[in-house]
N, C-alpha and C. Protein backbone atom coordinates (compact mmCIF):
# COMPACT_ATOMS: atom_id res chain seq x y z
N MET A 1 0.85 -1.19 0.00
CA MET A 1 0.00 0.00 0.00
C MET A 1 0.88 1.24 0.00
N PRO A 2 0.63 2.23 -0.89
CA PRO A 2 1.50 3.42 -0.96
C PRO A 2 1.58 4.17 0.34
N GLY A 3 0.45 4.28 1.04
CA GLY A 3 0.48 5.05 2.27
C GLY A 3 1.37 4.42 3.31
N MET A 4 1.29 3.09 3.45
CA MET A 4 2.11 2.39 4.43
C MET A 4 3.58 2.47 4.07
N ALA A 5 3.90 2.30 2.77
CA ALA A 5 5.30 2.37 2.34
C ALA A 5 5.87 3.75 2.60
N ASP A 6 5.06 4.77 2.31
CA ASP A 6 5.52 6.14 2.54
C ASP A 6 5.76 6.38 4.01
N CYS A 7 4.89 5.84 4.86
CA CYS A 7 5.05 5.98 6.30
C CYS A 7 6.31 5.30 6.79
N ASN A 8 6.56 4.08 6.31
CA ASN A 8 7.78 3.35 6.72
C ASN A 8 9.04 4.08 6.28
N PHE A 9 9.02 4.67 5.08
CA PHE A 9 10.18 5.41 4.57
C PHE A 9 10.49 6.61 5.47
N ARG A 10 9.44 7.29 5.89
CA ARG A 10 9.63 8.44 6.77
C ARG A 10 10.22 8.01 8.12
N ILE A 11 9.77 6.88 8.62
CA ILE A 11 10.28 6.38 9.90
C ILE A 11 11.76 6.06 9.80
N VAL A 12 12.16 5.42 8.66
CA VAL A 12 13.57 5.09 8.47
C VAL A 12 14.42 6.35 8.42
N ILE A 13 13.97 7.36 7.64
CA ILE A 13 14.71 8.63 7.53
C ILE A 13 14.83 9.29 8.90
N ALA A 14 13.76 9.33 9.65
CA ALA A 14 13.78 9.95 10.97
C ALA A 14 14.74 9.23 11.89
N THR A 15 14.77 7.90 11.80
CA THR A 15 15.67 7.11 12.65
C THR A 15 17.12 7.40 12.32
N VAL A 16 17.44 7.51 11.02
CA VAL A 16 18.81 7.81 10.61
C VAL A 16 19.23 9.18 11.09
N VAL A 17 18.36 10.17 10.94
CA VAL A 17 18.66 11.54 11.39
C VAL A 17 18.92 11.58 12.88
N ILE A 18 18.08 10.90 13.65
CA ILE A 18 18.26 10.87 15.10
C ILE A 18 19.56 10.19 15.47
N ALA A 19 19.90 9.09 14.78
CA ALA A 19 21.13 8.35 15.09
C ALA A 19 22.35 9.21 14.79
N VAL A 20 22.34 9.88 13.61
CA VAL A 20 23.47 10.74 13.25
C VAL A 20 23.61 11.89 14.23
N ALA A 21 22.48 12.52 14.55
CA ALA A 21 22.53 13.64 15.50
C ALA A 21 23.01 13.19 16.86
N GLY A 22 22.52 12.03 17.29
CA GLY A 22 22.95 11.51 18.59
C GLY A 22 24.42 11.20 18.61
N GLY A 23 24.93 10.60 17.52
CA GLY A 23 26.36 10.29 17.46
C GLY A 23 27.20 11.53 17.48
N THR A 24 26.76 12.57 16.76
CA THR A 24 27.52 13.82 16.73
C THR A 24 27.57 14.47 18.10
N THR A 25 26.45 14.43 18.78
CA THR A 25 26.40 15.05 20.11
C THR A 25 27.32 14.33 21.09
N ILE A 26 27.32 12.99 21.03
CA ILE A 26 28.16 12.22 21.93
C ILE A 26 29.64 12.52 21.66
N GLY A 27 30.00 12.58 20.36
CA GLY A 27 31.40 12.84 20.01
C GLY A 27 31.87 14.18 20.52
N CYS A 28 31.03 15.21 20.38
CA CYS A 28 31.42 16.55 20.81
C CYS A 28 31.59 16.63 22.31
N SER A 29 30.67 15.97 23.05
CA SER A 29 30.73 16.08 24.49
C SER A 29 31.90 15.31 25.09
N SER A 30 32.36 14.24 24.40
CA SER A 30 33.40 13.41 24.96
C SER A 30 34.81 13.91 24.62
N GLU A 31 34.94 14.83 23.64
CA GLU A 31 36.24 15.33 23.24
C GLU A 31 36.24 16.86 23.26
N ALA A 32 36.33 17.43 24.44
CA ALA A 32 36.34 18.88 24.58
C ALA A 32 37.63 19.45 24.01
N ARG A 33 37.53 20.53 23.24
CA ARG A 33 38.71 21.14 22.64
C ARG A 33 39.45 21.97 23.68
N PRO A 34 40.80 21.91 23.71
CA PRO A 34 41.58 22.72 24.66
C PRO A 34 41.40 24.21 24.35
N VAL A 35 41.53 25.02 25.36
CA VAL A 35 41.44 26.47 25.18
C VAL A 35 42.67 26.94 24.41
N ASP A 36 42.48 27.81 23.42
CA ASP A 36 43.61 28.28 22.63
C ASP A 36 44.51 29.19 23.46
N LEU A 37 45.75 29.32 23.04
CA LEU A 37 46.73 30.12 23.77
C LEU A 37 46.41 31.60 23.63
N THR A 38 46.31 32.30 24.74
CA THR A 38 46.02 33.74 24.74
C THR A 38 47.26 34.52 25.15
N VAL A 39 47.23 35.81 24.93
CA VAL A 39 48.34 36.68 25.34
C VAL A 39 48.55 36.61 26.85
N ALA A 40 47.46 36.62 27.61
CA ALA A 40 47.57 36.56 29.07
C ALA A 40 48.21 35.25 29.53
N ALA A 41 47.80 34.12 28.92
CA ALA A 41 48.35 32.82 29.31
C ALA A 41 49.82 32.71 28.93
N ALA A 42 50.17 33.16 27.72
CA ALA A 42 51.58 33.12 27.29
C ALA A 42 52.44 33.99 28.19
N SER A 43 51.96 35.17 28.55
CA SER A 43 52.72 36.07 29.42
C SER A 43 52.96 35.44 30.78
N ALA A 44 51.94 34.78 31.32
CA ALA A 44 52.07 34.15 32.64
C ALA A 44 53.09 33.01 32.60
N LEU A 45 53.08 32.21 31.53
CA LEU A 45 54.02 31.09 31.43
C LEU A 45 55.46 31.58 31.26
N ILE A 46 55.65 32.64 30.50
CA ILE A 46 56.99 33.21 30.35
C ILE A 46 57.49 33.75 31.68
N ALA A 47 56.65 34.52 32.36
CA ALA A 47 57.03 35.10 33.65
C ALA A 47 57.37 34.01 34.67
N GLN A 48 56.65 32.90 34.62
CA GLN A 48 56.91 31.80 35.55
C GLN A 48 58.30 31.21 35.30
N ARG A 49 58.66 30.97 34.03
CA ARG A 49 59.98 30.41 33.73
C ARG A 49 61.08 31.39 34.12
N TRP A 50 60.88 32.66 33.84
CA TRP A 50 61.89 33.67 34.17
C TRP A 50 62.10 33.77 35.68
N SER A 51 61.03 33.61 36.45
CA SER A 51 61.15 33.69 37.91
C SER A 51 62.02 32.57 38.47
N GLN A 52 62.18 31.49 37.68
CA GLN A 52 63.03 30.37 38.08
C GLN A 52 64.42 30.48 37.47
N ASP A 53 64.75 31.67 36.94
CA ASP A 53 66.05 31.92 36.29
C ASP A 53 66.26 30.96 35.13
N ASP A 54 65.20 30.74 34.37
CA ASP A 54 65.24 29.80 33.25
C ASP A 54 64.73 30.52 31.99
N LEU A 55 65.44 30.34 30.87
CA LEU A 55 65.09 30.96 29.59
C LEU A 55 65.03 32.48 29.69
N ASN A 56 65.87 33.06 30.51
CA ASN A 56 65.88 34.51 30.68
C ASN A 56 67.27 35.12 30.51
N HIS A 57 68.14 34.45 29.78
CA HIS A 57 69.50 34.93 29.55
C HIS A 57 69.63 35.43 28.12
N PHE A 58 69.53 36.74 27.93
CA PHE A 58 69.51 37.33 26.60
C PHE A 58 70.82 38.07 26.34
N GLY A 59 71.35 37.88 25.14
CA GLY A 59 72.61 38.50 24.78
C GLY A 59 72.43 39.79 24.00
N VAL A 60 73.31 40.75 24.26
CA VAL A 60 73.34 42.01 23.51
C VAL A 60 74.79 42.25 23.08
N SER A 61 74.95 42.97 21.99
CA SER A 61 76.28 43.29 21.47
C SER A 61 76.33 44.77 21.15
N PHE A 62 77.40 45.43 21.58
CA PHE A 62 77.51 46.87 21.32
C PHE A 62 78.97 47.31 21.44
N HIS A 63 79.21 48.53 21.02
CA HIS A 63 80.56 49.11 21.06
C HIS A 63 80.65 50.12 22.22
N SER A 64 81.76 50.12 22.89
CA SER A 64 81.99 51.10 23.96
C SER A 64 83.46 51.12 24.32
N ASP A 65 84.05 52.32 24.39
CA ASP A 65 85.45 52.46 24.80
C ASP A 65 85.60 52.55 26.31
N GLU A 66 84.48 52.78 27.03
CA GLU A 66 84.54 52.94 28.49
C GLU A 66 84.04 51.74 29.26
N LEU A 67 83.45 50.77 28.58
CA LEU A 67 82.79 49.68 29.28
C LEU A 67 83.74 48.88 30.16
N ILE A 68 84.88 48.48 29.63
CA ILE A 68 85.80 47.63 30.39
C ILE A 68 86.25 48.31 31.67
N GLU A 69 86.68 49.55 31.55
CA GLU A 69 87.15 50.28 32.74
C GLU A 69 86.04 50.46 33.77
N CYS A 70 84.83 50.74 33.29
CA CYS A 70 83.70 50.93 34.21
C CYS A 70 83.40 49.65 34.97
N GLY A 71 83.40 48.50 34.28
CA GLY A 71 83.12 47.23 34.94
C GLY A 71 84.16 46.86 35.96
N VAL A 72 85.43 47.14 35.65
CA VAL A 72 86.51 46.88 36.62
C VAL A 72 86.33 47.76 37.85
N LYS A 73 86.01 49.03 37.62
CA LYS A 73 85.84 49.98 38.73
C LYS A 73 84.68 49.56 39.64
N ASN A 74 83.61 49.02 39.06
CA ASN A 74 82.44 48.63 39.84
C ASN A 74 82.47 47.15 40.24
N ASP A 75 83.62 46.51 40.08
CA ASP A 75 83.83 45.13 40.50
C ASP A 75 82.85 44.15 39.84
N LEU A 76 82.54 44.39 38.55
CA LEU A 76 81.70 43.46 37.80
C LEU A 76 82.56 42.38 37.13
N TRP A 77 83.76 42.74 36.70
CA TRP A 77 84.69 41.80 36.08
C TRP A 77 86.11 42.24 36.34
N LYS A 78 87.03 41.35 36.09
CA LYS A 78 88.44 41.65 36.29
C LYS A 78 89.26 40.92 35.23
N LEU A 79 90.47 41.40 35.00
CA LEU A 79 91.36 40.78 34.03
C LEU A 79 92.07 39.59 34.67
N VAL A 80 92.01 38.46 34.02
CA VAL A 80 92.68 37.26 34.52
C VAL A 80 93.65 36.78 33.45
N GLU A 81 94.71 36.09 33.90
CA GLU A 81 95.72 35.57 32.98
C GLU A 81 95.83 34.06 33.16
N GLY A 82 96.21 33.39 32.10
CA GLY A 82 96.38 31.95 32.17
C GLY A 82 97.24 31.48 31.01
N SER A 83 97.44 30.20 30.96
CA SER A 83 98.20 29.61 29.86
C SER A 83 97.63 28.25 29.53
N ASP A 84 97.75 27.88 28.27
CA ASP A 84 97.24 26.60 27.80
C ASP A 84 98.21 26.05 26.77
N ARG A 85 98.91 24.94 27.14
CA ARG A 85 99.87 24.31 26.25
C ARG A 85 100.95 25.30 25.79
N GLY A 86 101.40 26.10 26.74
CA GLY A 86 102.46 27.05 26.45
C GLY A 86 101.99 28.36 25.86
N TYR A 87 100.67 28.49 25.64
CA TYR A 87 100.14 29.73 25.06
C TYR A 87 99.54 30.57 26.18
N ALA A 88 100.07 31.77 26.37
CA ALA A 88 99.57 32.67 27.41
C ALA A 88 98.37 33.46 26.90
N TRP A 89 97.38 33.65 27.76
CA TRP A 89 96.20 34.40 27.37
C TRP A 89 95.71 35.28 28.51
N THR A 90 94.98 36.31 28.17
CA THR A 90 94.33 37.19 29.15
C THR A 90 92.88 37.38 28.71
N ALA A 91 92.01 37.51 29.67
CA ALA A 91 90.59 37.71 29.37
C ALA A 91 89.91 38.32 30.58
N TYR A 92 88.81 38.97 30.35
CA TYR A 92 88.03 39.52 31.44
C TYR A 92 86.99 38.49 31.86
N ARG A 93 86.91 38.26 33.19
CA ARG A 93 85.98 37.29 33.74
C ARG A 93 85.11 37.97 34.80
N LEU A 94 83.88 37.50 34.91
CA LEU A 94 82.97 38.05 35.91
C LEU A 94 83.47 37.77 37.32
N THR A 95 83.32 38.74 38.20
CA THR A 95 83.59 38.55 39.63
C THR A 95 82.36 37.90 40.26
N PRO A 96 82.45 37.46 41.51
CA PRO A 96 81.25 36.93 42.19
C PRO A 96 80.10 37.95 42.19
N LYS A 97 80.43 39.22 42.37
CA LYS A 97 79.40 40.26 42.31
C LYS A 97 78.83 40.36 40.91
N GLY A 98 79.70 40.33 39.91
CA GLY A 98 79.24 40.41 38.53
C GLY A 98 78.37 39.25 38.12
N THR A 99 78.64 38.06 38.66
CA THR A 99 77.86 36.87 38.33
C THR A 99 76.43 36.98 38.83
N ARG A 100 76.23 37.72 39.90
CA ARG A 100 74.86 37.92 40.40
C ARG A 100 74.07 38.86 39.50
N ILE A 101 74.77 39.70 38.74
CA ILE A 101 74.12 40.71 37.91
C ILE A 101 74.03 40.28 36.45
N LEU A 102 75.07 39.62 35.95
CA LEU A 102 75.15 39.21 34.55
C LEU A 102 75.35 37.70 34.46
N PHE A 103 75.06 37.15 33.28
CA PHE A 103 75.23 35.72 33.08
C PHE A 103 76.58 35.39 32.45
N ALA A 104 77.02 36.20 31.49
CA ALA A 104 78.29 35.93 30.81
C ALA A 104 78.75 37.20 30.10
N ILE A 105 80.07 37.28 29.82
CA ILE A 105 80.64 38.41 29.10
C ILE A 105 81.68 37.92 28.10
N ASP A 106 81.85 38.69 27.05
CA ASP A 106 82.94 38.49 26.10
C ASP A 106 83.36 39.89 25.67
N LEU A 107 84.34 40.43 26.38
CA LEU A 107 84.73 41.83 26.18
C LEU A 107 85.92 41.92 25.24
N LYS A 108 85.90 42.93 24.37
CA LYS A 108 86.95 43.12 23.38
C LYS A 108 87.79 44.33 23.76
N THR A 109 89.10 44.14 23.78
CA THR A 109 90.00 45.24 24.13
C THR A 109 89.93 46.37 23.10
N SER A 110 89.48 46.06 21.89
CA SER A 110 89.34 47.10 20.87
C SER A 110 88.16 48.02 21.14
N GLY A 111 87.25 47.58 22.03
CA GLY A 111 86.06 48.37 22.30
C GLY A 111 84.93 48.10 21.32
N LYS A 112 85.15 47.23 20.34
CA LYS A 112 84.16 46.94 19.32
C LYS A 112 83.58 45.54 19.52
N GLY A 113 82.27 45.46 19.51
CA GLY A 113 81.61 44.16 19.56
C GLY A 113 81.63 43.48 20.92
N HIS A 114 81.51 44.24 22.01
CA HIS A 114 81.36 43.62 23.32
C HIS A 114 80.08 42.78 23.33
N GLU A 115 80.16 41.60 23.93
CA GLU A 115 78.98 40.75 24.03
C GLU A 115 78.67 40.49 25.51
N ILE A 116 77.46 40.86 25.91
CA ILE A 116 77.01 40.72 27.29
C ILE A 116 75.75 39.87 27.32
N THR A 117 75.73 38.85 28.18
CA THR A 117 74.52 38.04 28.37
C THR A 117 73.89 38.44 29.70
N LEU A 118 72.65 38.91 29.62
CA LEU A 118 71.97 39.51 30.77
C LEU A 118 71.19 38.47 31.58
N ARG A 119 70.87 38.86 32.81
CA ARG A 119 70.00 38.07 33.68
C ARG A 119 68.66 38.76 33.94
N GLY A 120 68.52 40.01 33.56
CA GLY A 120 67.31 40.76 33.92
C GLY A 120 67.61 41.75 35.02
N PRO A 121 66.62 42.30 35.66
CA PRO A 121 65.17 42.07 35.49
C PRO A 121 64.65 42.66 34.18
N TYR A 122 63.54 42.10 33.69
CA TYR A 122 63.02 42.49 32.40
C TYR A 122 61.58 42.98 32.48
N ARG A 123 61.22 43.73 31.45
CA ARG A 123 59.83 43.96 31.07
C ARG A 123 59.66 43.36 29.68
N PHE A 124 58.48 42.85 29.38
CA PHE A 124 58.28 42.29 28.05
C PHE A 124 56.84 42.48 27.60
N GLU A 125 56.65 42.35 26.29
CA GLU A 125 55.34 42.50 25.69
C GLU A 125 55.18 41.44 24.59
N ILE A 126 54.06 40.73 24.59
CA ILE A 126 53.75 39.79 23.53
C ILE A 126 53.29 40.60 22.31
N THR A 127 53.97 40.42 21.17
CA THR A 127 53.62 41.19 19.98
C THR A 127 52.87 40.37 18.94
N GLY A 128 52.76 39.06 19.15
CA GLY A 128 52.02 38.25 18.21
C GLY A 128 51.97 36.79 18.60
N ILE A 129 50.85 36.13 18.29
CA ILE A 129 50.69 34.68 18.47
C ILE A 129 50.14 34.13 17.16
N SER A 130 50.81 33.14 16.60
CA SER A 130 50.37 32.59 15.32
C SER A 130 50.42 31.07 15.36
N PRO A 131 49.60 30.39 14.56
CA PRO A 131 49.60 28.92 14.52
C PRO A 131 50.84 28.38 13.85
N ALA A 132 51.19 27.16 14.20
CA ALA A 132 52.30 26.45 13.57
C ALA A 132 51.74 25.33 12.70
N ILE A 133 52.63 24.63 11.98
CA ILE A 133 52.19 23.50 11.16
C ILE A 133 51.51 22.46 12.03
N GLN A 134 52.13 22.15 13.19
CA GLN A 134 51.54 21.19 14.11
C GLN A 134 50.38 21.85 14.84
N PRO A 135 49.20 21.25 14.84
CA PRO A 135 48.02 21.90 15.47
C PRO A 135 48.16 22.11 16.97
N ASP A 136 49.07 21.37 17.60
CA ASP A 136 49.24 21.52 19.05
C ASP A 136 50.35 22.52 19.40
N SER A 137 50.76 23.35 18.44
CA SER A 137 51.87 24.29 18.66
C SER A 137 51.45 25.71 18.28
N ARG A 138 52.08 26.68 18.95
CA ARG A 138 51.87 28.09 18.63
C ARG A 138 53.23 28.80 18.64
N ILE A 139 53.36 29.80 17.78
CA ILE A 139 54.56 30.62 17.71
C ILE A 139 54.24 31.96 18.36
N VAL A 140 55.02 32.33 19.38
CA VAL A 140 54.77 33.56 20.13
C VAL A 140 55.96 34.50 19.95
N GLU A 141 55.67 35.71 19.52
CA GLU A 141 56.71 36.74 19.37
C GLU A 141 56.63 37.70 20.54
N LEU A 142 57.77 38.06 21.07
CA LEU A 142 57.80 38.98 22.21
C LEU A 142 58.98 39.94 22.10
N ARG A 143 58.78 41.10 22.65
CA ARG A 143 59.84 42.09 22.76
C ARG A 143 60.16 42.28 24.23
N TRP A 144 61.45 42.28 24.57
CA TRP A 144 61.86 42.43 25.97
C TRP A 144 62.81 43.62 26.10
N GLU A 145 62.91 44.12 27.32
CA GLU A 145 63.88 45.17 27.64
C GLU A 145 64.20 45.10 29.12
N ILE A 146 65.36 45.58 29.47
CA ILE A 146 65.72 45.63 30.90
C ILE A 146 64.76 46.55 31.63
N ASP A 147 64.28 46.10 32.77
CA ASP A 147 63.45 46.96 33.63
C ASP A 147 64.38 47.94 34.34
N TRP A 148 64.54 49.08 33.75
CA TRP A 148 65.53 50.05 34.22
C TRP A 148 65.28 50.49 35.65
N ASP A 149 64.04 50.57 36.05
CA ASP A 149 63.71 51.03 37.42
C ASP A 149 64.15 50.01 38.47
N ARG A 150 64.19 48.73 38.11
CA ARG A 150 64.55 47.67 39.07
C ARG A 150 65.96 47.15 38.87
N ALA A 151 66.65 47.60 37.83
CA ALA A 151 67.98 47.08 37.54
C ALA A 151 68.99 47.52 38.60
N PRO A 152 70.01 46.68 38.88
CA PRO A 152 71.05 47.05 39.86
C PRO A 152 71.78 48.33 39.44
N ALA A 153 72.15 49.12 40.41
CA ALA A 153 72.82 50.39 40.13
C ALA A 153 74.13 50.18 39.36
N ASP A 154 74.87 49.11 39.69
CA ASP A 154 76.15 48.87 39.01
C ASP A 154 75.94 48.53 37.54
N LEU A 155 74.86 47.83 37.22
CA LEU A 155 74.57 47.53 35.82
C LEU A 155 74.24 48.82 35.08
N LYS A 156 73.41 49.68 35.69
CA LYS A 156 73.04 50.93 35.04
C LYS A 156 74.22 51.87 34.91
N ALA A 157 75.21 51.73 35.78
CA ALA A 157 76.38 52.61 35.73
C ALA A 157 77.25 52.32 34.51
N CYS A 158 77.22 51.07 34.02
CA CYS A 158 78.17 50.67 32.96
C CYS A 158 77.52 50.32 31.63
N LEU A 159 76.27 49.88 31.63
CA LEU A 159 75.63 49.44 30.39
C LEU A 159 74.61 50.46 29.90
N PRO A 160 74.62 50.77 28.62
CA PRO A 160 73.69 51.78 28.08
C PRO A 160 72.27 51.23 27.98
N LYS A 161 71.31 51.97 28.50
CA LYS A 161 69.92 51.52 28.54
C LYS A 161 69.38 51.20 27.16
N PHE A 162 69.70 52.02 26.16
CA PHE A 162 69.10 51.85 24.83
C PHE A 162 69.60 50.59 24.12
N GLU A 163 70.64 49.93 24.65
CA GLU A 163 71.14 48.70 24.04
C GLU A 163 70.56 47.45 24.68
N LEU A 164 69.85 47.59 25.78
CA LEU A 164 69.45 46.44 26.57
C LEU A 164 68.01 46.02 26.26
N SER A 165 67.78 45.63 25.03
CA SER A 165 66.45 45.19 24.61
C SER A 165 66.62 44.25 23.41
N GLY A 166 65.55 43.54 23.09
CA GLY A 166 65.64 42.62 21.97
C GLY A 166 64.30 41.99 21.64
N HIS A 167 64.32 41.08 20.68
CA HIS A 167 63.12 40.41 20.19
C HIS A 167 63.37 38.91 20.17
N GLU A 168 62.40 38.13 20.62
CA GLU A 168 62.52 36.68 20.64
C GLU A 168 61.27 36.04 20.03
N VAL A 169 61.46 34.84 19.50
CA VAL A 169 60.34 34.03 19.00
C VAL A 169 60.32 32.74 19.81
N ALA A 170 59.20 32.45 20.44
CA ALA A 170 59.11 31.31 21.35
C ALA A 170 58.14 30.26 20.82
N LEU A 171 58.41 29.00 21.17
CA LEU A 171 57.55 27.89 20.80
C LEU A 171 56.76 27.43 22.01
N PHE A 172 55.44 27.34 21.86
CA PHE A 172 54.56 26.81 22.89
C PHE A 172 53.87 25.56 22.34
N LYS A 173 53.71 24.55 23.20
CA LYS A 173 53.03 23.32 22.80
C LYS A 173 52.03 22.89 23.86
N LEU A 174 51.00 22.20 23.40
CA LEU A 174 50.02 21.66 24.34
C LEU A 174 50.60 20.48 25.10
N ASN A 175 50.36 20.47 26.40
CA ASN A 175 50.74 19.35 27.25
C ASN A 175 49.46 18.89 27.94
N GLY A 176 48.74 17.95 27.29
CA GLY A 176 47.41 17.62 27.77
C GLY A 176 46.49 18.78 27.46
N PRO A 177 45.73 19.26 28.45
CA PRO A 177 44.84 20.40 28.20
C PRO A 177 45.53 21.76 28.37
N ASP A 178 46.79 21.76 28.80
CA ASP A 178 47.48 23.01 29.14
C ASP A 178 48.59 23.32 28.14
N TRP A 179 48.89 24.60 28.00
CA TRP A 179 49.99 25.05 27.15
C TRP A 179 51.29 25.08 27.93
N ARG A 180 52.40 24.81 27.23
CA ARG A 180 53.73 24.79 27.85
C ARG A 180 54.70 25.61 27.02
N PHE A 181 55.50 26.43 27.69
CA PHE A 181 56.55 27.24 27.04
C PHE A 181 57.76 26.33 26.84
N VAL A 182 58.09 26.00 25.58
CA VAL A 182 59.10 24.99 25.29
C VAL A 182 60.49 25.59 25.13
N SER A 183 60.65 26.56 24.23
CA SER A 183 61.98 27.08 23.92
C SER A 183 61.86 28.31 23.04
N TYR A 184 63.01 28.96 22.80
CA TYR A 184 63.09 30.01 21.80
C TYR A 184 63.49 29.39 20.47
N LEU A 185 63.15 30.07 19.39
CA LEU A 185 63.46 29.58 18.05
C LEU A 185 64.32 30.58 17.30
N LYS A 186 65.24 30.07 16.50
CA LYS A 186 65.95 30.92 15.57
C LYS A 186 64.98 31.32 14.46
N PRO A 187 65.24 32.45 13.78
CA PRO A 187 64.30 32.89 12.72
C PRO A 187 64.00 31.82 11.69
N GLU A 188 65.04 31.09 11.25
CA GLU A 188 64.81 30.05 10.24
C GLU A 188 63.98 28.90 10.79
N ASP A 189 64.17 28.57 12.09
CA ASP A 189 63.39 27.51 12.70
C ASP A 189 61.94 27.94 12.89
N ALA A 190 61.73 29.21 13.20
CA ALA A 190 60.37 29.73 13.36
C ALA A 190 59.62 29.68 12.03
N SER A 191 60.32 30.03 10.94
CA SER A 191 59.69 29.98 9.62
C SER A 191 59.33 28.55 9.26
N ALA A 192 60.22 27.60 9.57
CA ALA A 192 59.95 26.20 9.27
C ALA A 192 58.76 25.69 10.09
N ALA A 193 58.68 26.10 11.36
CA ALA A 193 57.58 25.66 12.22
C ALA A 193 56.24 26.19 11.73
N GLN A 194 56.26 27.34 11.07
CA GLN A 194 55.03 27.93 10.54
C GLN A 194 54.75 27.50 9.11
N GLY A 195 55.69 26.75 8.50
CA GLY A 195 55.50 26.33 7.13
C GLY A 195 55.75 27.43 6.14
N VAL A 196 56.59 28.43 6.53
CA VAL A 196 56.88 29.56 5.67
C VAL A 196 58.26 29.38 5.08
N THR A 197 58.40 29.55 3.79
CA THR A 197 59.69 29.47 3.13
C THR A 197 60.34 30.84 3.12
N PRO A 198 61.49 31.02 3.79
CA PRO A 198 62.14 32.34 3.83
C PRO A 198 62.45 32.83 2.43
N VAL A 199 62.25 34.14 2.21
CA VAL A 199 62.56 34.76 0.93
C VAL A 199 64.03 35.12 0.90
N THR A 200 64.75 34.67 -0.10
CA THR A 200 66.17 34.97 -0.23
C THR A 200 66.42 35.74 -1.51
N ASP A 201 67.38 36.64 -1.47
CA ASP A 201 67.73 37.41 -2.66
C ASP A 201 68.42 36.50 -3.66
N LYS A 202 68.02 36.62 -4.89
CA LYS A 202 68.61 35.82 -5.96
C LYS A 202 69.58 36.68 -6.78
N LEU A 203 70.73 36.11 -7.06
CA LEU A 203 71.70 36.83 -7.86
C LEU A 203 71.20 36.93 -9.29
N PRO A 204 71.46 38.07 -9.97
CA PRO A 204 70.99 38.22 -11.36
C PRO A 204 71.74 37.26 -12.28
């Protein structure tokens, strides 16, 4: 009978729709999506690592004819001598006081290209968060600078404020439902993580 067949067809369609809808609902409720990484969350994770003296050693390079003398005067570093296999050498090394303020130094007697690795204290700002190739990863860009108001007086006496800043690119990954600050990335590694091919100049 046409009426009965039509009725049975409608029942089958309704049953399929209900089953599909029910399956979709169950799937969504059982697999909650993690919260995406926000500026506030990234800032908190960075600050936490820095408070443990971890991932907070940033290097700066600059020229100065007065830096070496100033550091010696303020007991940040001193000249040491040594020898290795008959070869005599001299270099500036951090004093115990200097080690509390700085992480490492590589000072040039020419005054050109001094390299200082800082310990902070810092201020920083997140300037961007972007997705990576891996769905569980994010690329975070940040700008940092020495917190001049909280910096030790001896550091401010010898290092120029305008040189004590920089830019970093950090990798964050999901660890279960939570985000984790993994490491900093070199520019080429950041491009690879985002699936971007760096543009290079081609010779004519």
